[in-house]
Amino acid sequence: MELTVYWTQIAEDKLNDIFEYYKFNAGIRVAQKLINGIIDTSLELDKNAYGGQKEDLLEDRIQEFRYTVFKSYKILYWIDETNKIIFVSNVFDTRQNPEKILKL
């Protein structure tokens, strides 16, 4: 099954926040490398979308949220089988309180 990876506006905004933080605190090269890694990891989902673990904290949602990990970031997504789309809905820094994921 061939799926297309689509980033929601919330996920894109989070990616921009991560970039700006690292650009200011570690430099533009570090920030760009991190962002490229997150994006590349998300693009690999089209090959094995169901390989990501289910996100237990979001099990009460209509969509079945799954995640894959790059460094300390969870890339949260759900799969729309009908339209063959993987929606990346958020990028969550695992170094923060896990309960914050509920604000998704």
C-alpha atoms as a PDB file:
ATOM      1  CA  MET A   1       0.000   0.000   0.000  1.00  0.00           C
ATOM      2  CA  GLU A   2       1.544   3.290  -1.059  1.00  0.00           C
ATOM      3  CA  LEU A   3       0.828   6.162   1.301  1.00  0.00           C
ATOM      4  CA  THR A   4       1.562   9.889   1.121  1.00  0.00           C
ATOM      5  CA  VAL A   5       3.002  11.676   4.156  1.00  0.00           C
ATOM      6  CA  TYR A   6       1.238  14.966   4.906  1.00  0.00           C
ATOM      7  CA  TRP A   7       2.309  17.388   7.642  1.00  0.00           C
ATOM      8  CA  THR A   8      -0.483  19.262   9.435  1.00  0.00           C
ATOM      9  CA  GLN A   9      -0.094  22.970  10.176  1.00  0.00           C
ATOM     10  CA  ILE A  10       0.358  22.226  13.897  1.00  0.00           C
ATOM     11  CA  ALA A  11       3.217  19.838  13.137  1.00  0.00           C
ATOM     12  CA  GLU A  12       4.843  22.334  10.766  1.00  0.00           C
ATOM     13  CA  ASP A  13       4.578  25.054  13.400  1.00  0.00           C
ATOM     14  CA  LYS A  14       6.186  22.770  15.980  1.00  0.00           C
ATOM     15  CA  LEU A  15       8.993  21.984  13.543  1.00  0.00           C
ATOM     16  CA  ASN A  16       9.561  25.715  13.047  1.00  0.00           C
ATOM     17  CA  ASP A  17       9.651  26.241  16.842  1.00  0.00           C
ATOM     18  CA  ILE A  18      12.262  23.497  17.184  1.00  0.00           C
ATOM     19  CA  PHE A  19      14.332  25.029  14.390  1.00  0.00           C
ATOM     20  CA  GLU A  20      14.207  28.524  15.911  1.00  0.00           C
ATOM     21  CA  TYR A  21      15.156  27.220  19.353  1.00  0.00           C
ATOM     22  CA  TYR A  22      18.185  25.308  18.089  1.00  0.00           C
ATOM     23  CA  LYS A  23      19.201  28.054  15.679  1.00  0.00           C
ATOM     24  CA  PHE A  24      19.400  30.484  18.594  1.00  0.00           C
ATOM     25  CA  ASN A  25      20.954  28.075  21.124  1.00  0.00           C
ATOM     26  CA  ALA A  26      23.182  25.815  19.015  1.00  0.00           C
ATOM     27  CA  GLY A  27      23.549  27.387  15.583  1.00  0.00           C
ATOM     28  CA  ILE A  28      21.903  27.134  12.213  1.00  0.00           C
ATOM     29  CA  ARG A  29      23.809  24.016  11.102  1.00  0.00           C
ATOM     30  CA  VAL A  30      22.743  22.049  14.172  1.00  0.00           C
ATOM     31  CA  ALA A  31      19.159  23.252  13.794  1.00  0.00           C
ATOM     32  CA  GLN A  32      19.025  22.329  10.108  1.00  0.00           C
ATOM     33  CA  LYS A  33      20.527  18.887  10.722  1.00  0.00           C
ATOM     34  CA  LEU A  34      17.955  18.147  13.428  1.00  0.00           C
ATOM     35  CA  ILE A  35      15.024  19.324  11.296  1.00  0.00           C
ATOM     36  CA  ASN A  36      16.252  17.333   8.298  1.00  0.00           C
ATOM     37  CA  GLY A  37      16.490  14.232  10.485  1.00  0.00           C
ATOM     38  CA  ILE A  38      12.933  14.658  11.765  1.00  0.00           C
ATOM     39  CA  ILE A  39      11.597  15.195   8.240  1.00  0.00           C
ATOM     40  CA  ASP A  40      13.556  12.275   6.793  1.00  0.00           C
ATOM     41  CA  THR A  41      12.277   9.995   9.554  1.00  0.00           C
ATOM     42  CA  SER A  42       8.694  11.036   8.827  1.00  0.00           C
ATOM     43  CA  LEU A  43       9.113  10.389   5.107  1.00  0.00           C
ATOM     44  CA  GLU A  44      10.176   6.810   5.862  1.00  0.00           C
ATOM     45  CA  LEU A  45       6.688   6.169   7.262  1.00  0.00           C
ATOM     46  CA  ASP A  46       5.313   5.543   3.771  1.00  0.00           C
ATOM     47  CA  LYS A  47       7.294   2.282   3.685  1.00  0.00           C
ATOM     48  CA  ASN A  48       6.070   0.920   7.024  1.00  0.00           C
ATOM     49  CA  ALA A  49       3.336   3.110   8.484  1.00  0.00           C
ATOM     50  CA  TYR A  50       2.194   0.485  10.968  1.00  0.00           C
ATOM     51  CA  GLY A  51       5.727   0.004  12.288  1.00  0.00           C
ATOM     52  CA  GLY A  52       5.314   2.870  14.745  1.00  0.00           C
ATOM     53  CA  GLN A  53       4.059   2.153  18.232  1.00  0.00           C
ATOM     54  CA  LYS A  54       0.558   3.143  19.275  1.00  0.00           C
ATOM     55  CA  GLU A  55       0.534   6.218  21.527  1.00  0.00           C
ATOM     56  CA  ASP A  56      -1.181   5.003  24.693  1.00  0.00           C
ATOM     57  CA  LEU A  57      -1.762   8.509  26.039  1.00  0.00           C
ATOM     58  CA  LEU A  58      -3.911   9.313  22.986  1.00  0.00           C
ATOM     59  CA  GLU A  59      -5.873   6.063  22.836  1.00  0.00           C
ATOM     60  CA  ASP A  60      -9.156   7.858  23.618  1.00  0.00           C
ATOM     61  CA  ARG A  61      -8.996   9.772  20.294  1.00  0.00           C
ATOM     62  CA  ILE A  62     -10.967   8.819  17.207  1.00  0.00           C
ATOM     63  CA  GLN A  63      -7.794   8.363  15.187  1.00  0.00           C
ATOM     64  CA  GLU A  64      -5.315   5.702  16.177  1.00  0.00           C
ATOM     65  CA  PHE A  65      -2.210   7.761  16.875  1.00  0.00           C
ATOM     66  CA  ARG A  66       1.157   6.150  16.401  1.00  0.00           C
ATOM     67  CA  TYR A  67       4.661   7.500  16.692  1.00  0.00           C
ATOM     68  CA  THR A  68       8.165   7.031  15.477  1.00  0.00           C
ATOM     69  CA  VAL A  69      11.210   8.533  17.154  1.00  0.00           C
ATOM     70  CA  PHE A  70      14.116  10.664  15.992  1.00  0.00           C
ATOM     71  CA  LYS A  71      16.604  11.519  18.736  1.00  0.00           C
ATOM     72  CA  SER A  72      14.438  12.841  21.606  1.00  0.00           C
ATOM     73  CA  TYR A  73      11.405  13.680  19.449  1.00  0.00           C
ATOM     74  CA  LYS A  74       8.271  11.636  18.939  1.00  0.00           C
ATOM     75  CA  ILE A  75       6.773  12.144  15.512  1.00  0.00           C
ATOM     76  CA  LEU A  76       3.064  11.602  16.112  1.00  0.00           C
ATOM     77  CA  TYR A  77       0.902  10.512  13.215  1.00  0.00           C
ATOM     78  CA  TRP A  78      -2.251   8.714  12.216  1.00  0.00           C
ATOM     79  CA  ILE A  79      -3.163   6.828   9.065  1.00  0.00           C
ATOM     80  CA  ASP A  80      -6.117   7.526   6.789  1.00  0.00           C
ATOM     81  CA  GLU A  81      -6.330   4.252   4.865  1.00  0.00           C
ATOM     82  CA  THR A  82      -9.242   5.415   2.713  1.00  0.00           C
ATOM     83  CA  ASN A  83      -7.305   8.331   1.218  1.00  0.00           C
ATOM     84  CA  LYS A  84      -3.895   6.643   1.606  1.00  0.00           C
ATOM     85  CA  ILE A  85      -2.467   9.489   3.684  1.00  0.00           C
ATOM     86  CA  ILE A  86      -0.292   9.532   6.782  1.00  0.00           C
ATOM     87  CA  PHE A  87      -0.992  12.696   8.770  1.00  0.00           C
ATOM     88  CA  VAL A  88       1.957  13.858  10.870  1.00  0.00           C
ATOM     89  CA  SER A  89       0.050  15.724  13.552  1.00  0.00           C
ATOM     90  CA  ASN A  90       2.735  16.812  16.000  1.00  0.00           C
ATOM     91  CA  VAL A  91       6.383  16.562  16.995  1.00  0.00           C
ATOM     92  CA  PHE A  92       6.742  16.020  20.737  1.00  0.00           C
ATOM     93  CA  ASP A  93       9.931  16.503  22.744  1.00  0.00           C
ATOM     94  CA  THR A  94      10.121  13.467  25.035  1.00  0.00           C
ATOM     95  CA  ARG A  95      12.177  15.391  27.603  1.00  0.00           C
ATOM     96  CA  GLN A  96       9.069  17.216  28.792  1.00  0.00           C
ATOM     97  CA  ASN A  97       6.168  16.024  30.905  1.00  0.00           C
ATOM     98  CA  PRO A  98       4.388  13.211  28.999  1.00  0.00           C
ATOM     99  CA  GLU A  99       0.996  14.615  30.035  1.00  0.00           C
ATOM    100  CA  LYS A 100       1.619  17.576  27.705  1.00  0.00           C
ATOM    101  CA  ILE A 101       0.991  15.247  24.810  1.00  0.00           C
ATOM    102  CA  LEU A 102      -2.702  15.329  25.720  1.00  0.00           C
ATOM    103  CA  LYS A 103      -2.868  18.926  24.456  1.00  0.00           C
ATOM    104  CA  LEU A 104      -2.584  17.604  20.906  1.00  0.00           C
END
